[in-house]
Protein backbone atom coordinates (compact mmCIF):
# COMPACT_ATOMS: atom_id res chain seq x y z
CA MET A 1 79.44 104.46 85.67
CA ILE A 2 81.36 103.57 88.84
CA ARG A 3 82.15 106.46 91.19
CA LEU A 4 85.69 106.26 92.54
CA ALA A 5 87.77 108.32 94.94
CA LEU A 6 91.51 108.56 94.29
CA ILE A 7 93.46 109.53 97.39
CA GLY A 8 96.95 110.76 96.60
CA ALA A 9 97.85 113.02 93.69
CA GLY A 10 101.58 112.38 93.48
CA ARG A 11 103.49 110.86 90.54
CA TRP A 12 101.84 107.44 90.73
CA GLY A 13 98.46 108.89 91.61
CA LYS A 14 98.61 110.92 88.38
CA ASN A 15 99.39 107.73 86.45
CA ILE A 16 96.36 106.05 88.00
CA LEU A 17 94.12 109.02 87.20
CA ARG A 18 95.29 109.18 83.58
CA THR A 19 94.76 105.43 83.14
CA LEU A 20 91.26 105.52 84.64
CA LYS A 21 90.35 108.33 82.22
CA GLU A 22 91.62 106.19 79.33
CA ILE A 23 89.51 103.24 80.50
CA GLY A 24 86.53 105.58 80.65
CA SER A 25 84.12 103.55 82.76
CA ALA A 26 84.55 105.41 86.05
CA GLU A 27 83.95 108.88 87.43
CA VAL A 28 86.92 109.85 89.61
CA THR A 29 87.12 112.34 92.47
CA VAL A 30 90.71 113.20 93.45
CA LEU A 31 91.43 113.87 97.11
CA ASN A 32 94.51 114.64 99.14
CA LYS A 33 95.18 112.34 102.08
CA GLY A 34 94.07 115.06 104.49
CA ASP A 35 90.61 115.08 102.88
CA ALA A 36 90.07 111.36 103.45
CA ARG A 37 89.99 111.10 107.21
CA THR A 38 86.61 109.41 107.17
CA PRO A 39 84.52 107.64 104.53
CA ASP A 40 81.56 109.70 105.74
CA ALA A 41 82.99 112.95 104.34
CA PRO A 42 80.49 114.55 101.92
CA ARG A 43 82.73 114.17 98.87
CA LEU A 44 83.03 110.41 99.53
CA ARG A 45 79.34 109.55 99.91
CA GLY A 46 78.04 107.17 97.30
CA ILE A 47 81.42 106.08 95.98
CA GLY A 48 81.81 102.55 94.63
CA GLY A 49 85.48 102.25 95.42
CA VAL A 50 88.58 104.03 96.61
CA LEU A 51 92.17 103.92 95.36
CA ILE A 52 94.97 104.82 97.77
CA ALA A 53 98.22 106.10 96.25
CA THR A 54 99.60 108.03 99.21
CA PRO A 55 103.01 107.44 100.87
CA GLY A 56 103.37 103.87 102.10
CA SER A 57 103.42 104.77 105.78
CA THR A 58 99.88 106.22 105.49
CA HIS A 59 98.22 103.28 103.71
CA ALA A 60 96.94 101.46 106.80
CA ARG A 61 95.48 104.54 108.48
CA ILE A 62 93.67 105.68 105.35
CA ALA A 63 92.49 102.27 104.10
CA ARG A 64 91.11 100.70 107.27
CA PRO A 65 87.98 102.89 107.69
CA PHE A 66 86.95 102.18 104.10
CA LEU A 67 87.49 98.45 104.49
CA LEU A 68 85.50 98.36 107.73
CA ARG A 69 82.55 99.92 105.88
CA GLY A 70 82.74 97.35 103.09
CA ILE A 71 83.96 99.84 100.46
CA SER A 72 86.01 98.32 97.63
CA THR A 73 89.59 99.45 98.19
CA PHE A 74 92.72 99.42 96.03
CA ILE A 75 95.93 99.97 98.04
CA GLU A 76 99.25 100.63 96.37
CA LYS A 77 102.23 98.59 97.53
CA PRO A 78 103.30 98.09 100.20
CA LEU A 79 99.99 97.19 101.81
CA ALA A 80 101.31 98.59 105.10
CA THR A 81 104.66 99.27 106.72
CA THR A 82 104.13 97.08 109.79
CA LEU A 83 102.94 93.50 110.00
CA ARG A 84 100.39 94.44 112.65
CA ASP A 85 98.80 97.04 110.38
CA ALA A 86 98.76 94.66 107.41
CA ARG A 87 96.92 92.06 109.47
CA LEU A 88 94.46 94.66 110.75
CA LEU A 89 93.61 95.59 107.16
CA ALA A 90 93.11 91.96 106.19
CA ARG A 91 90.82 91.38 109.18
CA ALA A 92 88.82 94.53 108.38
CA ALA A 93 88.24 93.38 104.79
CA LYS A 94 87.28 89.88 105.88
CA ARG A 95 84.85 91.21 108.48
CA SER A 96 83.05 93.52 106.05
CA GLY A 97 83.39 91.46 102.87
CA ALA A 98 84.99 94.39 101.06
CA VAL A 99 86.70 93.81 97.72
CA ALA A 100 90.33 94.67 98.42
CA MET A 101 93.34 94.65 96.13
CA VAL A 102 97.05 95.41 96.55
CA GLY A 103 98.85 97.24 93.76
CA HIS A 104 101.59 94.78 92.80
CA VAL A 105 101.50 96.01 89.21
CA HIS A 106 104.00 93.58 87.67
CA LEU A 107 101.61 90.71 88.32
CA TYR A 108 99.59 92.26 85.47
CA ASN A 109 102.58 92.86 83.21
CA PRO A 110 102.05 90.86 79.98
CA ALA A 111 105.81 90.34 79.63
CA TYR A 112 106.06 88.87 83.14
CA LEU A 113 103.03 86.66 82.52
CA LYS A 114 104.65 85.29 79.36
CA ALA A 115 107.93 84.74 81.23
CA LYS A 116 106.06 82.90 83.97
CA GLU A 117 104.22 80.69 81.47
CA LEU A 118 107.46 79.70 79.74
CA ALA A 119 109.44 79.29 82.96
CA LEU A 120 106.88 76.84 84.36
CA ARG A 121 107.29 74.79 81.18
CA GLY A 122 111.07 74.76 81.53
CA GLY A 123 111.28 72.21 84.31
CA PRO A 124 111.54 72.74 88.08
CA ILE A 125 112.80 76.17 89.10
CA ARG A 126 116.28 76.06 90.63
CA PHE A 127 116.48 79.66 91.84
CA LEU A 128 115.40 83.25 91.11
CA PHE A 129 117.58 86.34 90.89
CA SER A 130 116.05 89.80 90.76
CA GLU A 131 117.21 93.39 90.53
CA GLY A 132 115.10 96.45 91.26
CA MET A 133 116.79 99.83 91.36
CA ASN A 134 116.92 103.38 90.08
CA ASN A 135 118.24 106.86 90.82
CA GLY A 136 115.50 107.58 93.36
CA PRO A 137 112.84 108.30 94.29
CA TYR A 138 114.30 108.96 97.75
CA ARG A 139 111.61 108.56 100.38
CA ASP A 140 111.42 109.78 103.94
CA ASP A 141 108.86 107.31 105.30
CA LEU A 142 110.21 103.95 104.10
CA SER A 143 113.48 102.47 102.90
CA ALA A 144 114.55 101.15 99.51
CA LEU A 145 113.81 97.66 100.89
CA TRP A 146 110.14 98.52 101.44
CA ASP A 147 109.91 100.57 98.24
CA TRP A 148 111.50 98.16 95.73
CA ALA A 149 111.52 94.65 97.23
CA PRO A 150 107.70 94.24 97.28
CA HIS A 151 107.85 93.86 93.48
CA ASP A 152 110.38 91.02 93.68
CA ILE A 153 108.64 89.30 96.58
CA ALA A 154 105.25 89.47 94.86
CA LEU A 155 106.65 87.84 91.71
CA ALA A 156 108.42 85.10 93.70
CA LEU A 157 105.25 84.27 95.65
CA ASP A 158 103.30 84.14 92.41
CA LEU A 159 105.84 81.99 90.57
CA LEU A 160 106.44 79.47 93.33
CA GLY A 161 102.91 79.39 94.72
CA THR A 162 104.06 79.32 98.32
CA THR A 163 105.70 81.50 100.98
CA PRO A 164 109.32 81.16 102.08
CA SER A 165 110.26 79.48 105.33
CA MET A 166 113.45 81.47 105.95
CA VAL A 167 114.50 85.08 105.27
CA GLN A 168 117.94 86.65 105.27
CA ALA A 169 118.80 90.28 104.48
CA TRP A 170 121.51 92.92 104.60
CA GLY A 171 121.20 96.67 104.28
CA LEU A 172 123.37 99.73 103.71
CA LYS A 173 122.61 103.31 104.82
CA THR A 174 124.86 105.85 103.11
CA LEU A 175 122.73 108.96 102.64
CA ARG A 176 121.20 109.08 106.13
CA PRO A 177 123.29 106.70 108.28
CA LYS A 178 121.52 107.66 111.53
CA SER A 179 118.08 106.87 110.12
CA SER A 180 116.37 103.53 109.47
CA LEU A 181 116.31 104.21 105.72
CA HIS A 182 118.45 101.70 103.86
CA ASP A 183 119.55 102.92 100.43
CA VAL A 184 120.62 99.42 99.34
CA ALA A 185 119.33 96.04 100.46
CA PHE A 186 120.05 92.43 99.59
CA LEU A 187 117.39 89.84 100.27
CA ARG A 188 117.53 86.04 100.29
CA LEU A 189 114.40 83.93 100.61
CA ARG A 190 114.47 80.16 101.07
CA PHE A 191 111.30 78.32 100.05
CA PRO A 192 110.03 74.98 101.45
CA HIS A 193 110.97 72.91 98.37
CA GLY A 194 114.52 74.27 98.17
CA GLU A 195 114.08 77.14 95.70
CA GLU A 196 115.66 80.46 96.66
CA LEU A 197 115.24 84.09 95.63
CA PHE A 198 118.23 86.44 95.64
CA SER A 199 117.15 90.08 95.33
CA ALA A 200 119.18 93.30 95.09
CA VAL A 201 117.31 96.60 95.48
CA SER A 202 118.43 100.21 95.68
CA TRP A 203 117.30 103.76 95.01
CA LEU A 204 120.96 104.85 94.76
CA ALA A 205 121.75 103.44 91.31
CA PRO A 206 122.88 105.23 88.15
CA GLU A 207 120.38 103.39 85.94
CA LYS A 208 116.94 101.88 86.26
CA ARG A 209 116.67 98.09 86.46
CA LYS A 210 113.68 95.80 86.84
CA ARG A 211 114.87 92.34 85.96
CA LEU A 212 113.98 88.83 87.08
CA THR A 213 116.01 85.79 86.06
CA ILE A 214 114.26 82.44 86.48
CA VAL A 215 116.77 79.58 86.36
CA GLY A 216 115.08 76.28 85.57
CA LYS A 217 116.29 72.70 85.29
CA ARG A 218 115.98 72.74 81.47
CA ASP A 219 115.26 76.32 80.40
CA SER A 220 115.96 79.70 81.95
CA VAL A 221 113.85 82.81 81.36
CA VAL A 222 114.66 86.49 81.86
CA PHE A 223 111.97 89.14 82.36
CA ASP A 224 113.55 92.58 81.89
CA ASP A 225 111.00 95.38 82.09
CA THR A 226 113.50 98.02 80.95
CA ALA A 227 114.53 96.18 77.76
CA THR A 228 113.03 96.53 74.30
CA LYS A 229 112.55 92.76 74.18
CA LYS A 230 111.34 92.13 77.69
CA VAL A 231 111.34 88.31 77.62
CA THR A 232 114.33 86.13 76.74
CA VAL A 233 114.23 82.34 76.87
CA TYR A 234 117.39 80.21 77.03
CA HIS A 235 116.15 76.85 75.78
CA GLY A 236 118.06 73.80 77.00
CA LEU A 237 120.47 75.81 79.14
CA GLY A 238 120.79 72.79 81.43
CA PRO A 239 123.29 71.77 82.53
CA THR A 240 123.12 68.02 83.20
CA VAL A 241 124.84 66.35 86.14
CA ARG A 242 125.89 62.69 86.07
CA ARG A 243 127.96 61.05 88.79
CA GLY A 244 129.02 64.44 90.05
CA ARG A 245 130.19 65.70 86.67
CA VAL A 246 128.51 68.79 85.21
CA THR A 247 128.04 69.03 81.44
CA ARG A 248 127.52 72.49 80.00
CA HIS A 249 124.80 72.99 77.37
CA GLU A 250 124.77 75.63 74.65
CA PRO A 251 121.22 77.02 74.70
CA SER A 252 119.15 78.31 71.84
CA ILE A 253 117.76 81.78 72.50
CA SER A 254 114.36 83.20 71.65
CA HIS A 255 112.39 86.39 72.34
CA PRO A 256 108.72 85.36 72.43
CA ALA A 257 105.88 87.78 71.78
CA TYR A 258 103.60 88.99 74.57
CA GLY A 259 100.65 91.32 74.92
CA ASP A 260 101.11 95.07 74.73
CA ALA A 261 98.41 96.22 77.18
CA PRO A 262 99.93 98.53 79.85
CA PRO A 263 100.22 96.69 83.20
CA LEU A 264 98.57 99.50 85.17
CA ARG A 265 95.57 99.50 82.83
CA ARG A 266 95.14 95.72 83.19
CA GLU A 267 95.48 96.02 86.96
CA LEU A 268 92.88 98.79 87.27
CA GLU A 269 90.50 96.96 84.92
CA ALA A 270 90.73 93.96 87.26
CA PHE A 271 89.84 96.19 90.22
CA LEU A 272 86.86 97.69 88.37
CA HIS A 273 85.70 94.19 87.40
CA GLY A 274 85.95 93.18 91.05
CA ILE A 275 83.73 96.11 92.05
CA ARG A 276 81.11 95.24 89.41
CA THR A 277 80.99 91.52 90.19
CA HIS A 278 81.96 91.73 93.87
CA ARG A 279 84.57 89.06 93.15
CA GLN A 280 87.99 89.38 94.72
CA PRO A 281 90.70 90.34 92.18
CA LEU A 282 94.29 89.26 92.65
CA PRO A 283 96.48 90.01 94.46
CA ASP A 284 94.26 90.01 97.51
CA LEU A 285 95.16 91.09 101.03
CA THR A 286 96.43 87.60 101.90
CA HIS A 287 99.14 88.12 99.29
CA GLY A 288 99.75 91.65 100.59
CA VAL A 289 100.12 90.44 104.18
CA ALA A 290 102.53 87.70 103.07
CA THR A 291 104.70 90.34 101.36
CA VAL A 292 104.75 92.56 104.45
CA ARG A 293 105.48 89.52 106.63
CA ILE A 294 108.60 88.82 104.55
CA LEU A 295 109.71 92.47 104.66
CA ASP A 296 109.23 92.48 108.44
CA ALA A 297 111.43 89.39 108.73
CA ALA A 298 114.01 91.01 106.44
CA GLU A 299 114.19 94.05 108.73
CA ARG A 300 114.79 91.75 111.71
CA SER A 301 117.50 89.90 109.81
CA ILE A 302 119.27 93.19 108.96
CA ALA A 303 119.12 94.19 112.63
CA ARG A 304 120.76 90.86 113.54
CA GLY A 305 123.63 91.29 111.12
CA GLY A 306 122.16 89.19 108.33
CA ARG A 307 121.21 86.13 110.36
CA TRP A 308 118.48 83.83 109.06
CA VAL A 309 115.00 84.59 110.40
CA ARG A 310 112.34 81.91 110.34
CA LEU A 311 108.92 83.16 109.28
CA GLU A 312 106.48 83.00 112.16
């Protein structure tokens, strides 16, 4: 039985706790963030791993001491809210050899994995379009960009297997215009081989959306996590271009089957397996740092009125 500490007992922390109890192979101690100032605290001695589900702005401060001591650490997205902190966490894990995982849960979503499999069969990807939004939650420590866009960025990095070279973004602050908290953000990523991601995120929307459209040269695939049928494939959507003339194709449409295991359960099982085998589960901190690096560039683009920012 693996001993775990869960730090953070909010809405998502409760989901993690419930899922770990369903898995049944771990003994979990729940702590508030104030109780986790040091891994040497009596209640944390002898733990095999820690899961951090506190507000995003606290992730780096809480996670780093555990990583420095080589303790397996699961950190909810975003990994950190500054690029400097994200890199410090990655260096700490590398120095100690700690197993470290970032909670980009949709990478373990069976519907997304099926969509990815079929999209990669459908010819070269032309572009990606994603939507992530809901009525809240409204956060005080990070914006809708940092709360919602990590999902879209993580999927794009996974699908394309590379990081973008250029980032462009725009933001809107309507609820708290004097703050740095954007309620709506639009993100554009340009990748080295010409693919682009267009992402719209908001916590000020009347309905929940988590949708990724993958437009390929032959087929296009839609992953919609809020739909009953979460994967839709448009076979032969085309179109074809000859001598500058575009010919429209009428696609056939299918809704392929996919696994029904809850994404959070699959994600936490991967973390537990990593603890047992001391093998690094995905996504690792390199992926987490890449996501924060893109968000950092997006913030700079917003500050410059939507100008392109080249990733450093």
